[in-house]
Amino acid sequence: MERRFSRALANFFSLPKEAVLSLPVLTFLGREEAVIENVKKLLTYTGTSLRIQTRDGILSIAGQQLEIGQWKEQTMVVRGVFCSVGWEEETR
């Protein structure tokens, strides 16, 4: 209910949904760098995979030589060679 109200409020006032709803924002620079905003927490991390909890679900990144270049507050920079990016189904 609260999320639906926030979405309607964002639409009515033409506010950015990602800011009002804390939605993840993914910005890719080719296949080698990603800036991920509105990160809640890092679930798993290896050189070949990352799983990141966001308000919208679990973001999964697979690749090679993955590293976290920077992590400030809710923004994370990931570098490496990305092979796949997707959302995992959450079981509640």
PDB file of N, CA and C in Angstrom:
ATOM      1  N   MET A   1       0.821  -1.189   0.000  1.00  0.00           N
ATOM      2  CA  MET A   1       0.000   0.000   0.000  1.00  0.00           C
ATOM      3  C   MET A   1       0.867   1.257   0.000  1.00  0.00           C
ATOM      4  N   GLU A   2       1.859   1.298   0.908  1.00  0.00           N
ATOM      5  CA  GLU A   2       2.730   2.468   0.999  1.00  0.00           C
ATOM      6  C   GLU A   2       3.491   2.687  -0.305  1.00  0.00           C
ATOM      7  N   ARG A   3       3.957   1.583  -0.900  1.00  0.00           N
ATOM      8  CA  ARG A   3       4.714   1.696  -2.149  1.00  0.00           C
ATOM      9  C   ARG A   3       3.826   2.202  -3.290  1.00  0.00           C
ATOM     10  N   ARG A   4       2.587   1.753  -3.318  1.00  0.00           N
ATOM     11  CA  ARG A   4       1.654   2.199  -4.352  1.00  0.00           C
ATOM     12  C   ARG A   4       1.366   3.691  -4.200  1.00  0.00           C
ATOM     13  N   PHE A   5       1.201   4.142  -2.952  1.00  0.00           N
ATOM     14  CA  PHE A   5       0.975   5.557  -2.682  1.00  0.00           C
ATOM     15  C   PHE A   5       2.191   6.393  -3.099  1.00  0.00           C
ATOM     16  N   SER A   6       3.383   5.915  -2.760  1.00  0.00           N
ATOM     17  CA  SER A   6       4.606   6.634  -3.122  1.00  0.00           C
ATOM     18  C   SER A   6       4.761   6.728  -4.635  1.00  0.00           C
ATOM     19  N   ARG A   7       4.425   5.642  -5.327  1.00  0.00           N
ATOM     20  CA  ARG A   7       4.503   5.647  -6.794  1.00  0.00           C
ATOM     21  C   ARG A   7       3.520   6.653  -7.381  1.00  0.00           C
ATOM     22  N   ALA A   8       2.297   6.699  -6.851  1.00  0.00           N
ATOM     23  CA  ALA A   8       1.295   7.646  -7.321  1.00  0.00           C
ATOM     24  C   ALA A   8       1.736   9.083  -7.040  1.00  0.00           C
ATOM     25  N   LEU A   9       2.319   9.299  -5.873  1.00  0.00           N
ATOM     26  CA  LEU A   9       2.808  10.626  -5.504  1.00  0.00           C
ATOM     27  C   LEU A   9       3.928  11.062  -6.446  1.00  0.00           C
ATOM     28  N   ALA A  10       4.839  10.160  -6.742  1.00  0.00           N
ATOM     29  CA  ALA A  10       5.933  10.468  -7.671  1.00  0.00           C
ATOM     30  C   ALA A  10       5.388  10.818  -9.049  1.00  0.00           C
ATOM     31  N   ASN A  11       4.395  10.064  -9.514  1.00  0.00           N
ATOM     32  CA  ASN A  11       3.787  10.345 -10.818  1.00  0.00           C
ATOM     33  C   ASN A  11       3.084  11.695 -10.821  1.00  0.00           C
ATOM     34  N   PHE A  12       2.316  11.970  -9.773  1.00  0.00           N
ATOM     35  CA  PHE A  12       1.538  13.207  -9.705  1.00  0.00           C
ATOM     36  C   PHE A  12       2.443  14.441  -9.725  1.00  0.00           C
ATOM     37  N   PHE A  13       3.521  14.404  -8.954  1.00  0.00           N
ATOM     38  CA  PHE A  13       4.411  15.559  -8.863  1.00  0.00           C
ATOM     39  C   PHE A  13       5.586  15.480  -9.836  1.00  0.00           C
ATOM     40  N   SER A  14       5.583  14.495 -10.719  1.00  0.00           N
ATOM     41  CA  SER A  14       6.663  14.284 -11.697  1.00  0.00           C
ATOM     42  C   SER A  14       8.034  14.180 -11.022  1.00  0.00           C
ATOM     43  N   LEU A  15       8.078  13.453  -9.924  1.00  0.00           N
ATOM     44  CA  LEU A  15       9.321  13.229  -9.205  1.00  0.00           C
ATOM     45  C   LEU A  15       9.984  11.955  -9.719  1.00  0.00           C
ATOM     46  N   PRO A  16      11.308  11.868  -9.648  1.00  0.00           N
ATOM     47  CA  PRO A  16      11.976  10.639 -10.103  1.00  0.00           C
ATOM     48  C   PRO A  16      11.616   9.456  -9.204  1.00  0.00           C
ATOM     49  N   LYS A  17      11.102   8.399  -9.804  1.00  0.00           N
ATOM     50  CA  LYS A  17      10.668   7.215  -9.037  1.00  0.00           C
ATOM     51  C   LYS A  17      11.813   6.580  -8.260  1.00  0.00           C
ATOM     52  N   GLU A  18      13.014   6.573  -8.860  1.00  0.00           N
ATOM     53  CA  GLU A  18      14.136   5.939  -8.172  1.00  0.00           C
ATOM     54  C   GLU A  18      14.464   6.636  -6.855  1.00  0.00           C
ATOM     55  N   ALA A  19      14.225   7.943  -6.781  1.00  0.00           N
ATOM     56  CA  ALA A  19      14.498   8.683  -5.549  1.00  0.00           C
ATOM     57  C   ALA A  19      13.380   8.477  -4.527  1.00  0.00           C
ATOM     58  N   VAL A  20      12.146   8.564  -4.969  1.00  0.00           N
ATOM     59  CA  VAL A  20      11.002   8.450  -4.057  1.00  0.00           C
ATOM     60  C   VAL A  20      10.854   7.030  -3.529  1.00  0.00           C
ATOM     61  N   LEU A  21      11.073   6.040  -4.391  1.00  0.00           N
ATOM     62  CA  LEU A  21      10.853   4.639  -4.021  1.00  0.00           C
ATOM     63  C   LEU A  21      12.142   3.897  -3.655  1.00  0.00           C
ATOM     64  N   SER A  22      13.269   4.584  -3.673  1.00  0.00           N
ATOM     65  CA  SER A  22      14.582   3.957  -3.409  1.00  0.00           C
ATOM     66  C   SER A  22      14.837   2.781  -4.353  1.00  0.00           C
ATOM     67  N   LEU A  23      14.440   2.936  -5.606  1.00  0.00           N
ATOM     68  CA  LEU A  23      14.658   1.878  -6.593  1.00  0.00           C
ATOM     69  C   LEU A  23      16.126   1.848  -6.996  1.00  0.00           C
ATOM     70  N   PRO A  24      16.647   0.671  -7.333  1.00  0.00           N
ATOM     71  CA  PRO A  24      18.038   0.598  -7.776  1.00  0.00           C
ATOM     72  C   PRO A  24      18.208   1.270  -9.137  1.00  0.00           C
ATOM     73  N   VAL A  25      19.322   1.954  -9.288  1.00  0.00           N
ATOM     74  CA  VAL A  25      19.682   2.580 -10.560  1.00  0.00           C
ATOM     75  C   VAL A  25      20.987   1.934 -11.001  1.00  0.00           C
ATOM     76  N   LEU A  26      20.982   1.346 -12.199  1.00  0.00           N
ATOM     77  CA  LEU A  26      22.160   0.657 -12.728  1.00  0.00           C
ATOM     78  C   LEU A  26      22.681   1.435 -13.930  1.00  0.00           C
ATOM     79  N   THR A  27      23.939   1.837 -13.876  1.00  0.00           N
ATOM     80  CA  THR A  27      24.568   2.547 -14.978  1.00  0.00           C
ATOM     81  C   THR A  27      25.788   1.749 -15.409  1.00  0.00           C
ATOM     82  N   PHE A  28      25.772   1.273 -16.653  1.00  0.00           N
ATOM     83  CA  PHE A  28      26.880   0.469 -17.160  1.00  0.00           C
ATOM     84  C   PHE A  28      27.724   1.289 -18.114  1.00  0.00           C
ATOM     85  N   LEU A  29      29.024   1.153 -17.968  1.00  0.00           N
ATOM     86  CA  LEU A  29      29.984   1.752 -18.884  1.00  0.00           C
ATOM     87  C   LEU A  29      30.599   0.595 -19.653  1.00  0.00           C
ATOM     88  N   GLY A  30      29.966   0.253 -20.772  1.00  0.00           N
ATOM     89  CA  GLY A  30      30.390  -0.913 -21.536  1.00  0.00           C
ATOM     90  C   GLY A  30      30.153  -2.181 -20.742  1.00  0.00           C
ATOM     91  N   ARG A  31      31.071  -3.140 -20.902  1.00  0.00           N
ATOM     92  CA  ARG A  31      30.971  -4.416 -20.174  1.00  0.00           C
ATOM     93  C   ARG A  31      31.939  -4.481 -19.006  1.00  0.00           C
ATOM     94  N   GLU A  32      32.573  -3.341 -18.682  1.00  0.00           N
ATOM     95  CA  GLU A  32      33.660  -3.404 -17.708  1.00  0.00           C
ATOM     96  C   GLU A  32      33.467  -2.574 -16.446  1.00  0.00           C
ATOM     97  N   GLU A  33      32.410  -1.798 -16.358  1.00  0.00           N
ATOM     98  CA  GLU A  33      32.176  -1.030 -15.128  1.00  0.00           C
ATOM     99  C   GLU A  33      30.682  -0.777 -14.956  1.00  0.00           C
ATOM    100  N   ALA A  34      30.237  -0.862 -13.711  1.00  0.00           N
ATOM    101  CA  ALA A  34      28.839  -0.595 -13.391  1.00  0.00           C
ATOM    102  C   ALA A  34      28.776   0.239 -12.117  1.00  0.00           C
ATOM    103  N   VAL A  35      27.886   1.219 -12.117  1.00  0.00           N
ATOM    104  CA  VAL A  35      27.587   1.988 -10.915  1.00  0.00           C
ATOM    105  C   VAL A  35      26.184   1.582 -10.494  1.00  0.00           C
ATOM    106  N   ILE A  36      26.060   1.096  -9.264  1.00  0.00           N
ATOM    107  CA  ILE A  36      24.781   0.607  -8.761  1.00  0.00           C
ATOM    108  C   ILE A  36      24.380   1.486  -7.579  1.00  0.00           C
ATOM    109  N   GLU A  37      23.244   2.150  -7.706  1.00  0.00           N
ATOM    110  CA  GLU A  37      22.759   3.037  -6.654  1.00  0.00           C
ATOM    111  C   GLU A  37      21.610   2.376  -5.894  1.00  0.00           C
ATOM    112  N   ASN A  38      21.417   2.792  -4.666  1.00  0.00           N
ATOM    113  CA  ASN A  38      20.384   2.275  -3.762  1.00  0.00           C
ATOM    114  C   ASN A  38      20.616   0.816  -3.389  1.00  0.00           C
ATOM    115  N   VAL A  39      21.875   0.503  -3.067  1.00  0.00           N
ATOM    116  CA  VAL A  39      22.268  -0.818  -2.589  1.00  0.00           C
ATOM    117  C   VAL A  39      21.906  -0.924  -1.110  1.00  0.00           C
ATOM    118  N   LYS A  40      21.273  -2.031  -0.721  1.00  0.00           N
ATOM    119  CA  LYS A  40      20.990  -2.265   0.699  1.00  0.00           C
ATOM    120  C   LYS A  40      22.151  -2.995   1.359  1.00  0.00           C
ATOM    121  N   LYS A  41      22.565  -4.137   0.756  1.00  0.00           N
ATOM    122  CA  LYS A  41      23.720  -4.857   1.304  1.00  0.00           C
ATOM    123  C   LYS A  41      24.268  -5.832   0.274  1.00  0.00           C
ATOM    124  N   LEU A  42      25.520  -6.185   0.475  1.00  0.00           N
ATOM    125  CA  LEU A  42      26.198  -7.168  -0.355  1.00  0.00           C
ATOM    126  C   LEU A  42      25.945  -8.548   0.247  1.00  0.00           C
ATOM    127  N   LEU A  43      25.377  -9.454  -0.532  1.00  0.00           N
ATOM    128  CA  LEU A  43      25.053 -10.797  -0.036  1.00  0.00           C
ATOM    129  C   LEU A  43      26.207 -11.763  -0.231  1.00  0.00           C
ATOM    130  N   THR A  44      26.752 -11.821  -1.450  1.00  0.00           N
ATOM    131  CA  THR A  44      27.903 -12.678  -1.733  1.00  0.00           C
ATOM    132  C   THR A  44      28.813 -11.974  -2.728  1.00  0.00           C
ATOM    133  N   TYR A  45      30.103 -12.308  -2.636  1.00  0.00           N
ATOM    134  CA  TYR A  45      31.075 -11.688  -3.526  1.00  0.00           C
ATOM    135  C   TYR A  45      32.243 -12.627  -3.764  1.00  0.00           C
ATOM    136  N   THR A  46      32.510 -12.930  -5.023  1.00  0.00           N
ATOM    137  CA  THR A  46      33.711 -13.662  -5.425  1.00  0.00           C
ATOM    138  C   THR A  46      34.245 -12.958  -6.665  1.00  0.00           C
ATOM    139  N   GLY A  47      35.333 -13.430  -7.192  1.00  0.00           N
ATOM    140  CA  GLY A  47      35.892 -12.842  -8.406  1.00  0.00           C
ATOM    141  C   GLY A  47      35.063 -13.099  -9.644  1.00  0.00           C
ATOM    142  N   THR A  48      34.071 -14.010  -9.528  1.00  0.00           N
ATOM    143  CA  THR A  48      33.243 -14.342 -10.693  1.00  0.00           C
ATOM    144  C   THR A  48      31.754 -14.058 -10.498  1.00  0.00           C
ATOM    145  N   SER A  49      31.340 -13.679  -9.286  1.00  0.00           N
ATOM    146  CA  SER A  49      29.916 -13.374  -9.088  1.00  0.00           C
ATOM    147  C   SER A  49      29.701 -12.438  -7.914  1.00  0.00           C
ATOM    148  N   LEU A  50      28.611 -11.706  -8.011  1.00  0.00           N
ATOM    149  CA  LEU A  50      28.183 -10.774  -6.974  1.00  0.00           C
ATOM    150  C   LEU A  50      26.685 -10.903  -6.823  1.00  0.00           C
ATOM    151  N   ARG A  51      26.208 -10.870  -5.595  1.00  0.00           N
ATOM    152  CA  ARG A  51      24.770 -10.822  -5.340  1.00  0.00           C
ATOM    153  C   ARG A  51      24.531  -9.651  -4.404  1.00  0.00           C
ATOM    154  N   ILE A  52      23.673  -8.737  -4.827  1.00  0.00           N
ATOM    155  CA  ILE A  52      23.447  -7.486  -4.107  1.00  0.00           C
ATOM    156  C   ILE A  52      21.973  -7.353  -3.769  1.00  0.00           C
ATOM    157  N   GLN A  53      21.666  -7.100  -2.505  1.00  0.00           N
ATOM    158  CA  GLN A  53      20.287  -6.883  -2.068  1.00  0.00           C
ATOM    159  C   GLN A  53      19.905  -5.425  -2.337  1.00  0.00           C
ATOM    160  N   THR A  54      18.811  -5.235  -3.037  1.00  0.00           N
ATOM    161  CA  THR A  54      18.244  -3.914  -3.252  1.00  0.00           C
ATOM    162  C   THR A  54      16.799  -3.953  -2.763  1.00  0.00           C
ATOM    163  N   ARG A  55      16.166  -2.818  -2.711  1.00  0.00           N
ATOM    164  CA  ARG A  55      14.770  -2.801  -2.285  1.00  0.00           C
ATOM    165  C   ARG A  55      13.878  -3.559  -3.276  1.00  0.00           C
ATOM    166  N   ASP A  56      14.312  -3.595  -4.519  1.00  0.00           N
ATOM    167  CA  ASP A  56      13.533  -4.236  -5.578  1.00  0.00           C
ATOM    168  C   ASP A  56      13.826  -5.722  -5.718  1.00  0.00           C
ATOM    169  N   GLY A  57      14.807  -6.237  -5.000  1.00  0.00           N
ATOM    170  CA  GLY A  57      15.140  -7.651  -5.095  1.00  0.00           C
ATOM    171  C   GLY A  57      16.640  -7.862  -5.093  1.00  0.00           C
ATOM    172  N   ILE A  58      17.048  -9.049  -5.493  1.00  0.00           N
ATOM    173  CA  ILE A  58      18.463  -9.409  -5.502  1.00  0.00           C
ATOM    174  C   ILE A  58      19.008  -9.283  -6.919  1.00  0.00           C
ATOM    175  N   LEU A  59      20.015  -8.437  -7.049  1.00  0.00           N
ATOM    176  CA  LEU A  59      20.702  -8.242  -8.318  1.00  0.00           C
ATOM    177  C   LEU A  59      21.870  -9.212  -8.373  1.00  0.00           C
ATOM    178  N   SER A  60      21.973  -9.958  -9.451  1.00  0.00           N
ATOM    179  CA  SER A  60      23.027 -10.957  -9.613  1.00  0.00           C
ATOM    180  C   SER A  60      23.899 -10.575 -10.811  1.00  0.00           C
ATOM    181  N   ILE A  61      25.208 -10.522 -10.578  1.00  0.00           N
ATOM    182  CA  ILE A  61      26.157 -10.189 -11.644  1.00  0.00           C
ATOM    183  C   ILE A  61      27.173 -11.319 -11.736  1.00  0.00           C
ATOM    184  N   ALA A  62      27.380 -11.835 -12.950  1.00  0.00           N
ATOM    185  CA  ALA A  62      28.390 -12.865 -13.192  1.00  0.00           C
ATOM    186  C   ALA A  62      29.405 -12.312 -14.179  1.00  0.00           C
ATOM    187  N   GLY A  63      30.660 -12.696 -13.983  1.00  0.00           N
ATOM    188  CA  GLY A  63      31.698 -12.208 -14.887  1.00  0.00           C
ATOM    189  C   GLY A  63      33.057 -12.743 -14.506  1.00  0.00           C
ATOM    190  N   GLN A  64      34.071 -12.022 -14.924  1.00  0.00           N
ATOM    191  CA  GLN A  64      35.451 -12.403 -14.645  1.00  0.00           C
ATOM    192  C   GLN A  64      36.176 -11.229 -14.011  1.00  0.00           C
ATOM    193  N   GLN A  65      37.062 -11.527 -13.085  1.00  0.00           N
ATOM    194  CA  GLN A  65      37.884 -10.515 -12.420  1.00  0.00           C
ATOM    195  C   GLN A  65      37.037  -9.391 -11.816  1.00  0.00           C
ATOM    196  N   LEU A  66      35.907  -9.760 -11.224  1.00  0.00           N
ATOM    197  CA  LEU A  66      35.027  -8.757 -10.627  1.00  0.00           C
ATOM    198  C   LEU A  66      35.649  -8.213  -9.347  1.00  0.00           C
ATOM    199  N   GLU A  67      35.560  -6.919  -9.195  1.00  0.00           N
ATOM    200  CA  GLU A  67      36.036  -6.282  -7.972  1.00  0.00           C
ATOM    201  C   GLU A  67      35.174  -5.074  -7.656  1.00  0.00           C
ATOM    202  N   ILE A  68      35.063  -4.809  -6.369  1.00  0.00           N
ATOM    203  CA  ILE A  68      34.317  -3.623  -5.937  1.00  0.00           C
ATOM    204  C   ILE A  68      35.317  -2.483  -5.878  1.00  0.00           C
ATOM    205  N   GLY A  69      35.141  -1.526  -6.777  1.00  0.00           N
ATOM    206  CA  GLY A  69      36.075  -0.413  -6.864  1.00  0.00           C
ATOM    207  C   GLY A  69      35.816   0.641  -5.818  1.00  0.00           C
ATOM    208  N   GLN A  70      34.569   0.815  -5.473  1.00  0.00           N
ATOM    209  CA  GLN A  70      34.196   1.854  -4.525  1.00  0.00           C
ATOM    210  C   GLN A  70      32.833   1.501  -3.948  1.00  0.00           C
ATOM    211  N   TRP A  71      32.623   1.847  -2.680  1.00  0.00           N
ATOM    212  CA  TRP A  71      31.316   1.601  -2.053  1.00  0.00           C
ATOM    213  C   TRP A  71      31.116   2.669  -0.998  1.00  0.00           C
ATOM    214  N   LYS A  72      30.283   3.627  -1.321  1.00  0.00           N
ATOM    215  CA  LYS A  72      29.985   4.725  -0.406  1.00  0.00           C
ATOM    216  C   LYS A  72      28.484   4.767  -0.177  1.00  0.00           C
ATOM    217  N   GLU A  73      28.106   4.728   1.081  1.00  0.00           N
ATOM    218  CA  GLU A  73      26.700   4.752   1.481  1.00  0.00           C
ATOM    219  C   GLU A  73      25.920   3.723   0.689  1.00  0.00           C
ATOM    220  N   GLN A  74      25.069   4.145  -0.243  1.00  0.00           N
ATOM    221  CA  GLN A  74      24.235   3.193  -0.989  1.00  0.00           C
ATOM    222  C   GLN A  74      24.654   3.069  -2.455  1.00  0.00           C
ATOM    223  N   THR A  75      25.863   3.516  -2.784  1.00  0.00           N
ATOM    224  CA  THR A  75      26.350   3.453  -4.162  1.00  0.00           C
ATOM    225  C   THR A  75      27.598   2.590  -4.248  1.00  0.00           C
ATOM    226  N   MET A  76      27.572   1.646  -5.191  1.00  0.00           N
ATOM    227  CA  MET A  76      28.676   0.710  -5.374  1.00  0.00           C
ATOM    228  C   MET A  76      29.162   0.763  -6.822  1.00  0.00           C
ATOM    229  N   VAL A  77      30.486   0.754  -6.997  1.00  0.00           N
ATOM    230  CA  VAL A  77      31.081   0.669  -8.324  1.00  0.00           C
ATOM    231  C   VAL A  77      31.714  -0.713  -8.448  1.00  0.00           C
ATOM    232  N   VAL A  78      31.339  -1.440  -9.495  1.00  0.00           N
ATOM    233  CA  VAL A  78      31.866  -2.785  -9.737  1.00  0.00           C
ATOM    234  C   VAL A  78      32.620  -2.763 -11.056  1.00  0.00           C
ATOM    235  N   ARG A  79      33.811  -3.343 -11.040  1.00  0.00           N
ATOM    236  CA  ARG A  79      34.633  -3.425 -12.256  1.00  0.00           C
ATOM    237  C   ARG A  79      34.958  -4.878 -12.552  1.00  0.00           C
ATOM    238  N   GLY A  80      35.209  -5.153 -13.822  1.00  0.00           N
ATOM    239  CA  GLY A  80      35.552  -6.491 -14.273  1.00  0.00           C
ATOM    240  C   GLY A  80      35.013  -6.678 -15.674  1.00  0.00           C
ATOM    241  N   VAL A  81      34.870  -7.916 -16.084  1.00  0.00           N
ATOM    242  CA  VAL A  81      34.272  -8.222 -17.396  1.00  0.00           C
ATOM    243  C   VAL A  81      32.939  -8.911 -17.115  1.00  0.00           C
ATOM    244  N   PHE A  82      31.834  -8.224 -17.422  1.00  0.00           N
ATOM    245  CA  PHE A  82      30.507  -8.749 -17.118  1.00  0.00           C
ATOM    246  C   PHE A  82      30.049  -9.727 -18.190  1.00  0.00           C
ATOM    247  N   CYS A  83      29.545 -10.870 -17.735  1.00  0.00           N
ATOM    248  CA  CYS A  83      28.979 -11.878 -18.648  1.00  0.00           C
ATOM    249  C   CYS A  83      27.461 -11.854 -18.606  1.00  0.00           C
ATOM    250  N   SER A  84      26.897 -11.673 -17.396  1.00  0.00           N
ATOM    251  CA  SER A  84      25.443 -11.615 -17.282  1.00  0.00           C
ATOM    252  C   SER A  84      25.044 -10.807 -16.060  1.00  0.00           C
ATOM    253  N   VAL A  85      23.889 -10.175 -16.181  1.00  0.00           N
ATOM    254  CA  VAL A  85      23.302  -9.390 -15.097  1.00  0.00           C
ATOM    255  C   VAL A  85      21.827  -9.734 -15.069  1.00  0.00           C
ATOM    256  N   GLY A  86      21.288  -9.998 -13.885  1.00  0.00           N
ATOM    257  CA  GLY A  86      19.877 -10.345 -13.813  1.00  0.00           C
ATOM    258  C   GLY A  86      19.329 -10.205 -12.404  1.00  0.00           C
ATOM    259  N   TRP A  87      18.048 -10.441 -12.306  1.00  0.00           N
ATOM    260  CA  TRP A  87      17.344 -10.369 -11.023  1.00  0.00           C
ATOM    261  C   TRP A  87      16.946 -11.775 -10.597  1.00  0.00           C
ATOM    262  N   GLU A  88      17.194 -12.093  -9.345  1.00  0.00           N
ATOM    263  CA  GLU A  88      16.800 -13.389  -8.798  1.00  0.00           C
ATOM    264  C   GLU A  88      15.406 -13.291  -8.216  1.00  0.00           C
ATOM    265  N   GLU A  89      14.684 -14.385  -8.308  1.00  0.00           N
ATOM    266  CA  GLU A  89      13.373 -14.452  -7.679  1.00  0.00           C
ATOM    267  C   GLU A  89      13.572 -14.587  -6.174  1.00  0.00           C
ATOM    268  N   GLU A  90      12.867 -13.780  -5.428  1.00  0.00           N
ATOM    269  CA  GLU A  90      12.954 -13.859  -3.964  1.00  0.00           C
ATOM    270  C   GLU A  90      11.835 -14.737  -3.451  1.00  0.00           C
ATOM    271  N   THR A  91      12.178 -15.608  -2.523  1.00  0.00           N
ATOM    272  CA  THR A  91      11.157 -16.412  -1.869  1.00  0.00           C
ATOM    273  C   THR A  91      10.837 -15.754  -0.533  1.00  0.00           C
ATOM    274  N   ARG A  92       9.586 -15.519  -0.296  1.00  0.00           N
ATOM    275  CA  ARG A  92       9.165 -14.835   0.940  1.00  0.00           C
ATOM    276  C   ARG A  92       8.400 -15.756   1.819  1.00  0.00           C
TER     277      ARG A  92
END
